[in-house]
Amino acid sequence: MRRSSLTKTYQRLAITLVGVTLVFFTAMQALPAAACGGLVAPDGSVRLARAATLVAWHDGVEHYMTAFTYEGDVSSLGWIVPLPAVPEKIQEGGAWTLQRLAQETHPQPADFGLDAPRAAASTAQVLQQLTIEALNITVIKGSGQEVLNWCAANGFVLVGDTRDHLLRYAEASPIFMAAKYDTSLVKAHHQVEGDGTPILITMRTAHLWVPLEVLALDGQQVHADLYLLTDGPLNTSALGAVSGQSAVGTQIPGAPGFDLAFQEPMNQSLYHDLSTDRNMGWVRSDGWLTYLSLDAPSSKVTYDMGVTPRGVIRIAPFGTAPMDIGAAVSDQTLPAWLPELPLGTPEALVTVILVGGGAALIYFWLKKRQPKRA
């Protein structure tokens, strides 16, 4: 009698354990959900079709590579983007890197009147000037009004919204990179209209930062691919980062249409393809690749992005100081001393408990069927 009662107790315990495990698994799956650049200002005949950006950060150095694809036939086109620091180097980006990243993460089963450069009649400081393919690039530093004066003196026609955005960005960082296409050179070289020239910028920053609001052209849908190379996996919530919960398939909180769609550790094939590309020898063989997809109305893209020391993706209203977005204060929702579990820990734990609970049920069921000893 005692043996039968004990067996039933064990069975109830095993069933309860499995039930609690399923509830825990469901809760963990729901937690993350609970819980690039350029100020392009073409006229109505041009649309920003898509922006692709790669941002890599390691040991205080950010590599920022971006390219635009536009639609429409124009005689002049340009863009200007805020930077968190003075570039140490600006050079041509990899020839196939962005395409290779797109392949890896998608496995198969404003009118700027750009006349000839003129001397800037402003106090904005010109830090760097260079030409990459059909792009004439200038890095400038100054107050918002000084930058506006420089733009006006150098053939950049800025509409009201663009002027307001520049003034607001300048309150957070006084450094900008202006680029203008030499469309006559594009046609002379028989380049495909609308193809963006990848630009690679190397800067010293405290953590990873990406301007996103600059992609939002009034009345247009924002389509952008953002690839991040970091030392470890990224997450969309502090709780997810600490628990080791995968963030793939989750949305960045407060950013509709901005999703973490893919993540994996760097593999040898990808490392070889990226590191052997033009000017891409700095790519590391370790680390993680994260792919974020942005597909949202321009009215919803009013933010820029940073990554906290714990690897949590954060957004903040554009104009926030770049290094404030991913500052350590953003991680204070959980104690700093709390250790971070390896990615996939919740799933592994659930699997172990389910297998263990199932084995216990089978054991007690078989034991119950055994004939009683005399």
Foldseek 3Di string as FASTA:
>chain_A
DVVVVVLVVLLVVLVVLLVVLVVVLVVLVCVLQVPADWLWAAPPQKDFPEKEWEWEDDDQKIKIKIWTFMDGDDQKTKTKDDDLFDFPDKAFAFPCLRVLVVCVLDDDCAHFQADPFDDQPAPWAWDDWDDDQQKTKTKTFDALVRVVSRSVNRRGDDDDVRSVLSNLLRLQGRIMMMMMGNVVSCVVVVHDHRTITMMITMDGHPFDWHFDLSQQDPPDKHWYKYKYWYQEAAALHLVCQQAQEDQAPHANPQQPQKGFHDKDWADPVSQVVQCPTPPRVVDDRTTMMIMIIHTGHSVSRQWIWTAAPSRHIFIDGNSHNRNVGRYNVVNVVDDPPRHHDHHCNSVVVSVVSNVVSVVSNVVSVVVVPDDDDD
